[in-house]
Amino acid sequence: MDWLLSALLQEPLVLFVSISIIVIIFIFIARNAHKNHLKRMKEIDESFNPRETFHR
């Protein structure tokens, strides 16, 4: 924990910028994954037609 304390005392701005960049990258990747998931779910929903699969 000494390294963390020394990093915070010497360059707190660099540490916060680095953490912010990592969080922003994670949010961007999660957003893209969510959009791809919604796209796949829409394709599955559009391809499913319950009237054709229902036999009387």
N, C-alpha and C. Protein backbone atom coordinates (compact mmCIF):
# COMPACT_ATOMS: atom_id res chain seq x y z
N MET A 1 0.81 -1.20 0.00
CA MET A 1 0.00 0.00 0.00
C MET A 1 0.85 1.26 0.00
N ASP A 2 2.14 1.11 0.24
CA ASP A 2 3.02 2.28 0.20
C ASP A 2 3.10 2.88 -1.20
N TRP A 3 3.08 1.99 -2.21
CA TRP A 3 3.18 2.49 -3.57
C TRP A 3 1.95 3.32 -3.93
N LEU A 4 0.78 2.91 -3.42
CA LEU A 4 -0.45 3.66 -3.69
C LEU A 4 -0.41 5.02 -3.00
N LEU A 5 0.05 5.03 -1.78
CA LEU A 5 0.15 6.29 -1.04
C LEU A 5 1.13 7.24 -1.71
N SER A 6 2.26 6.71 -2.15
CA SER A 6 3.25 7.57 -2.81
C SER A 6 2.73 8.07 -4.16
N ALA A 7 1.98 7.22 -4.87
CA ALA A 7 1.41 7.65 -6.15
C ALA A 7 0.37 8.74 -5.95
N LEU A 8 -0.44 8.61 -4.91
CA LEU A 8 -1.46 9.62 -4.63
C LEU A 8 -0.85 10.94 -4.19
N LEU A 9 0.22 10.87 -3.45
CA LEU A 9 0.86 12.09 -2.96
C LEU A 9 1.62 12.81 -4.07
N GLN A 10 2.21 12.06 -4.99
CA GLN A 10 3.05 12.67 -6.01
C GLN A 10 2.23 13.16 -7.20
N GLU A 11 1.44 12.28 -7.79
CA GLU A 11 0.71 12.63 -9.02
C GLU A 11 -0.74 12.17 -8.95
N PRO A 12 -1.58 12.82 -8.18
CA PRO A 12 -2.98 12.37 -8.12
C PRO A 12 -3.73 12.60 -9.43
N LEU A 13 -3.36 13.63 -10.16
CA LEU A 13 -4.05 13.91 -11.42
C LEU A 13 -3.82 12.80 -12.43
N VAL A 14 -2.59 12.31 -12.52
CA VAL A 14 -2.27 11.23 -13.46
C VAL A 14 -3.05 9.97 -13.10
N LEU A 15 -3.14 9.68 -11.82
CA LEU A 15 -3.87 8.50 -11.37
C LEU A 15 -5.35 8.61 -11.72
N PHE A 16 -5.95 9.74 -11.46
CA PHE A 16 -7.38 9.91 -11.74
C PHE A 16 -7.66 9.91 -13.24
N VAL A 17 -6.77 10.47 -14.03
CA VAL A 17 -6.94 10.45 -15.48
C VAL A 17 -6.84 9.02 -16.00
N SER A 18 -5.90 8.26 -15.49
CA SER A 18 -5.74 6.86 -15.91
C SER A 18 -6.98 6.04 -15.57
N ILE A 19 -7.48 6.21 -14.36
CA ILE A 19 -8.68 5.47 -13.96
C ILE A 19 -9.88 5.90 -14.80
N SER A 20 -9.98 7.18 -15.09
CA SER A 20 -11.08 7.68 -15.91
C SER A 20 -11.04 7.09 -17.31
N ILE A 21 -9.85 7.00 -17.88
CA ILE A 21 -9.72 6.43 -19.22
C ILE A 21 -10.15 4.97 -19.23
N ILE A 22 -9.75 4.21 -18.21
CA ILE A 22 -10.14 2.80 -18.13
C ILE A 22 -11.65 2.66 -17.99
N VAL A 23 -12.27 3.50 -17.18
CA VAL A 23 -13.73 3.44 -16.99
C VAL A 23 -14.45 3.82 -18.28
N ILE A 24 -13.97 4.83 -18.99
CA ILE A 24 -14.59 5.24 -20.24
C ILE A 24 -14.49 4.14 -21.29
N ILE A 25 -13.34 3.49 -21.36
CA ILE A 25 -13.18 2.38 -22.31
C ILE A 25 -14.14 1.25 -21.97
N PHE A 26 -14.28 0.92 -20.68
CA PHE A 26 -15.20 -0.13 -20.26
C PHE A 26 -16.64 0.23 -20.62
N ILE A 27 -17.03 1.47 -20.40
CA ILE A 27 -18.39 1.89 -20.74
C ILE A 27 -18.63 1.79 -22.24
N PHE A 28 -17.65 2.19 -23.04
CA PHE A 28 -17.78 2.11 -24.49
C PHE A 28 -17.95 0.67 -24.95
N ILE A 29 -17.14 -0.24 -24.41
CA ILE A 29 -17.23 -1.65 -24.79
C ILE A 29 -18.57 -2.24 -24.35
N ALA A 30 -19.03 -1.92 -23.15
CA ALA A 30 -20.31 -2.43 -22.66
C ALA A 30 -21.46 -1.89 -23.51
N ARG A 31 -21.38 -0.64 -23.92
CA ARG A 31 -22.43 -0.05 -24.76
C ARG A 31 -22.50 -0.75 -26.11
N ASN A 32 -21.34 -1.02 -26.71
CA ASN A 32 -21.33 -1.71 -27.99
C ASN A 32 -21.87 -3.14 -27.86
N ALA A 33 -21.52 -3.82 -26.79
CA ALA A 33 -22.03 -5.17 -26.57
C ALA A 33 -23.54 -5.15 -26.38
N HIS A 34 -24.05 -4.15 -25.68
CA HIS A 34 -25.49 -4.04 -25.47
C HIS A 34 -26.21 -3.77 -26.79
N LYS A 35 -25.65 -2.89 -27.62
CA LYS A 35 -26.26 -2.61 -28.92
C LYS A 35 -26.27 -3.85 -29.81
N ASN A 36 -25.18 -4.62 -29.79
CA ASN A 36 -25.14 -5.86 -30.58
C ASN A 36 -26.16 -6.87 -30.07
N HIS A 37 -26.32 -6.94 -28.76
CA HIS A 37 -27.31 -7.85 -28.18
C HIS A 37 -28.73 -7.44 -28.60
N LEU A 38 -29.03 -6.16 -28.54
CA LEU A 38 -30.36 -5.70 -28.96
C LEU A 38 -30.61 -5.99 -30.43
N LYS A 39 -29.58 -5.83 -31.25
CA LYS A 39 -29.71 -6.12 -32.67
C LYS A 39 -30.01 -7.59 -32.90
N ARG A 40 -29.31 -8.48 -32.20
CA ARG A 40 -29.56 -9.91 -32.34
C ARG A 40 -30.96 -10.28 -31.85
N MET A 41 -31.37 -9.69 -30.73
CA MET A 41 -32.70 -10.00 -30.21
C MET A 41 -33.79 -9.51 -31.17
N LYS A 42 -33.57 -8.38 -31.82
CA LYS A 42 -34.54 -7.88 -32.79
C LYS A 42 -34.62 -8.81 -33.99
N GLU A 43 -33.46 -9.30 -34.46
CA GLU A 43 -33.46 -10.23 -35.59
C GLU A 43 -34.19 -11.52 -35.24
N ILE A 44 -33.97 -12.04 -34.03
CA ILE A 44 -34.66 -13.26 -33.60
C ILE A 44 -36.15 -13.00 -33.50
N ASP A 45 -36.53 -11.86 -32.96
CA ASP A 45 -37.95 -11.53 -32.79
C ASP A 45 -38.63 -11.38 -34.14
N GLU A 46 -37.96 -10.78 -35.10
CA GLU A 46 -38.55 -10.61 -36.43
C GLU A 46 -38.64 -11.93 -37.20
N SER A 47 -37.71 -12.84 -36.94
CA SER A 47 -37.73 -14.11 -37.68
C SER A 47 -38.74 -15.09 -37.09
N PHE A 48 -39.19 -14.86 -35.87
CA PHE A 48 -40.13 -15.77 -35.22
C PHE A 48 -41.55 -15.35 -35.57
N ASN A 49 -42.28 -16.30 -36.15
CA ASN A 49 -43.68 -16.02 -36.50
C ASN A 49 -44.53 -17.13 -35.89
N PRO A 50 -45.26 -16.86 -34.82
CA PRO A 50 -46.00 -17.94 -34.14
C PRO A 50 -47.13 -18.52 -34.99
N ARG A 51 -47.63 -17.81 -35.97
CA ARG A 51 -48.73 -18.35 -36.79
C ARG A 51 -48.25 -19.51 -37.66
N GLU A 52 -47.02 -19.45 -38.13
CA GLU A 52 -46.50 -20.53 -38.99
C GLU A 52 -46.15 -21.77 -38.19
N THR A 53 -45.79 -21.62 -36.93
CA THR A 53 -45.40 -22.77 -36.13
C THR A 53 -46.59 -23.41 -35.42
N PHE A 54 -47.74 -22.76 -35.42
CA PHE A 54 -48.92 -23.29 -34.75
C PHE A 54 -49.70 -24.15 -35.73
N HIS A 55 -49.82 -25.44 -35.40
CA HIS A 55 -50.57 -26.36 -36.26
C HIS A 55 -51.85 -26.77 -35.54
N ARG A 56 -52.94 -26.79 -36.29
CA ARG A 56 -54.22 -27.18 -35.69
C ARG A 56 -54.55 -28.59 -36.03
